[in-house]
Amino acid sequence: MRPLSTLLALPVLLSACAPVEGANSTDSSEPRACFLAQQATSFRADGQQSVYIRTVGRDVFRLDTSVCPGLETNFQIGLDPGLGFSSRLCQGDTVRLIARGYSSPVEACSARVMGRLTDAEIEALPARNRP
């Protein structure tokens, strides 16, 4: 026979795993915005923490890094999805951002795909940040 305290704790432990309404900012009924790494055609960096990628389909995605030194002066970047066989990058995925500048060495930073920007969000970007 199990102690009464174990039986009373079980519902509390199970409720901790239950989903909480409003806890997830993405609606699971909508597909995540994705692109293929090889479809990136241009990019612009907004300082050292955000990169805007334009894809073949004219979509613009925002990637955020914690800090990536020299990102705003780089002329070439690469996107490395990491493990796996797919180069598909979706909102919420982590990617390795490989940046190369004119005089700086190659830098590698971790970045998160924040999602696809709407037309209004693209227009609201300063011209220097629009890819």
Protein backbone atom coordinates (compact mmCIF):
# COMPACT_ATOMS: atom_id res chain seq x y z
CA MET A 1 0.00 0.00 0.00
CA ARG A 2 1.28 3.47 -0.91
CA PRO A 3 1.48 6.21 1.63
CA LEU A 4 -1.39 8.68 1.54
CA SER A 5 1.00 11.60 0.92
CA THR A 6 2.16 10.00 -2.36
CA LEU A 7 -1.41 9.57 -3.57
CA LEU A 8 -2.26 13.16 -2.68
CA ALA A 9 0.83 14.53 -4.42
CA LEU A 10 0.10 12.70 -7.69
CA PRO A 11 -2.72 15.03 -8.90
CA VAL A 12 -0.58 18.07 -8.09
CA LEU A 13 2.34 16.69 -10.08
CA LEU A 14 0.12 15.79 -13.03
CA SER A 15 -1.47 19.24 -13.07
CA ALA A 16 1.98 20.78 -13.39
CA CYS A 17 2.28 19.10 -16.81
CA ALA A 18 -1.13 20.26 -18.03
CA PRO A 19 -1.20 22.96 -20.72
CA VAL A 20 -1.99 26.46 -19.52
CA GLU A 21 -4.21 28.63 -21.70
CA GLY A 22 -2.34 31.62 -23.10
CA ALA A 23 1.06 30.27 -22.03
CA ASN A 24 2.15 29.61 -25.62
CA SER A 25 2.31 32.70 -27.81
CA THR A 26 2.00 30.72 -31.04
CA ASP A 27 -1.34 29.27 -32.07
CA SER A 28 -0.82 25.58 -32.82
CA SER A 29 -3.59 25.64 -35.43
CA GLU A 30 -1.52 27.96 -37.66
CA PRO A 31 1.55 26.58 -39.43
CA ARG A 32 4.91 28.00 -38.46
CA ALA A 33 6.52 30.32 -41.00
CA CYS A 34 9.47 28.54 -42.64
CA PHE A 35 12.08 29.00 -45.35
CA LEU A 36 14.97 27.01 -46.77
CA ALA A 37 18.45 28.29 -45.92
CA GLN A 38 19.52 28.13 -49.56
CA GLN A 39 16.59 30.42 -50.52
CA ALA A 40 18.08 33.40 -48.67
CA THR A 41 18.93 36.07 -51.26
CA SER A 42 19.94 39.08 -49.15
CA PHE A 43 20.27 40.24 -45.57
CA ARG A 44 20.68 43.31 -43.41
CA ALA A 45 21.74 43.52 -39.80
CA ASP A 46 20.24 45.86 -37.25
CA GLY A 47 23.21 46.37 -34.96
CA GLN A 48 24.58 43.24 -33.33
CA GLN A 49 21.38 41.41 -32.40
CA SER A 50 18.88 41.22 -35.29
CA VAL A 51 19.30 40.06 -38.87
CA TYR A 52 16.63 40.40 -41.55
CA ILE A 53 16.76 37.77 -44.29
CA ARG A 54 14.95 38.11 -47.65
CA THR A 55 14.12 34.86 -49.40
CA VAL A 56 13.45 33.89 -53.01
CA GLY A 57 9.70 34.28 -52.39
CA ARG A 58 10.28 37.92 -51.32
CA ASP A 59 9.44 37.04 -47.70
CA VAL A 60 11.49 38.68 -44.95
CA PHE A 61 12.37 36.79 -41.76
CA ARG A 62 13.87 38.18 -38.57
CA LEU A 63 16.60 36.27 -36.75
CA ASP A 64 17.74 37.36 -33.28
CA THR A 65 21.09 36.65 -31.65
CA SER A 66 22.24 37.34 -28.12
CA VAL A 67 25.25 39.33 -29.35
CA CYS A 68 27.20 38.79 -32.55
CA PRO A 69 30.17 41.19 -32.76
CA GLY A 70 30.74 42.81 -36.13
CA LEU A 71 27.41 41.65 -37.52
CA GLU A 72 26.53 45.09 -38.88
CA THR A 73 29.76 45.23 -40.94
CA ASN A 74 29.55 41.79 -42.50
CA PHE A 75 29.07 41.42 -46.22
CA GLN A 76 28.35 37.70 -46.28
CA ILE A 77 26.48 35.32 -43.99
CA GLY A 78 25.71 31.64 -43.98
CA LEU A 79 22.92 29.79 -42.20
CA ASP A 80 23.75 26.41 -40.69
CA PRO A 81 20.64 24.60 -39.39
CA GLY A 82 22.88 22.22 -37.43
CA LEU A 83 22.05 18.57 -37.02
CA GLY A 84 19.78 16.84 -39.44
CA PHE A 85 19.38 16.59 -43.18
CA SER A 86 17.02 19.50 -43.77
CA SER A 87 17.91 23.13 -44.35
CA ARG A 88 14.34 24.15 -43.51
CA LEU A 89 14.25 26.86 -40.87
CA CYS A 90 11.00 27.64 -39.08
CA GLN A 91 9.85 30.16 -36.52
CA GLY A 92 11.32 29.20 -33.15
CA ASP A 93 14.21 27.18 -34.61
CA THR A 94 17.79 27.80 -33.59
CA VAL A 95 20.35 28.25 -36.35
CA ARG A 96 24.07 28.90 -36.47
CA LEU A 97 24.74 32.22 -38.16
CA ILE A 98 28.15 32.32 -39.84
CA ALA A 99 29.18 35.89 -40.67
CA ARG A 100 32.15 37.17 -42.66
CA GLY A 101 33.25 40.79 -42.81
CA TYR A 102 35.68 42.70 -45.00
CA SER A 103 38.46 42.79 -42.45
CA SER A 104 37.08 40.72 -39.58
CA PRO A 105 37.53 36.98 -39.14
CA VAL A 106 34.63 34.60 -39.64
CA GLU A 107 32.27 34.76 -36.68
CA ALA A 108 29.74 32.11 -35.71
CA CYS A 109 26.76 33.00 -33.53
CA SER A 110 23.65 31.22 -32.43
CA ALA A 111 20.42 32.82 -33.67
CA ARG A 112 16.70 32.12 -33.34
CA VAL A 113 14.24 32.46 -36.20
CA MET A 114 11.67 34.90 -34.83
CA GLY A 115 9.28 34.65 -37.77
CA ARG A 116 8.17 36.15 -41.05
CA LEU A 117 7.49 39.89 -41.14
CA THR A 118 4.25 41.25 -42.55
CA ASP A 119 4.32 43.79 -45.38
CA ALA A 120 3.54 46.53 -42.85
CA GLU A 121 6.43 45.43 -40.60
CA ILE A 122 8.82 45.44 -43.57
CA GLU A 123 7.73 48.94 -44.57
CA ALA A 124 8.17 50.12 -40.97
CA LEU A 125 11.83 49.04 -40.96
CA PRO A 126 14.32 51.83 -41.54
CA ALA A 127 15.65 51.65 -45.13
CA ARG A 128 19.12 50.68 -43.86
CA ASN A 129 17.63 47.55 -42.23
CA ARG A 130 15.48 46.38 -45.15
CA PRO A 131 17.06 43.53 -47.10
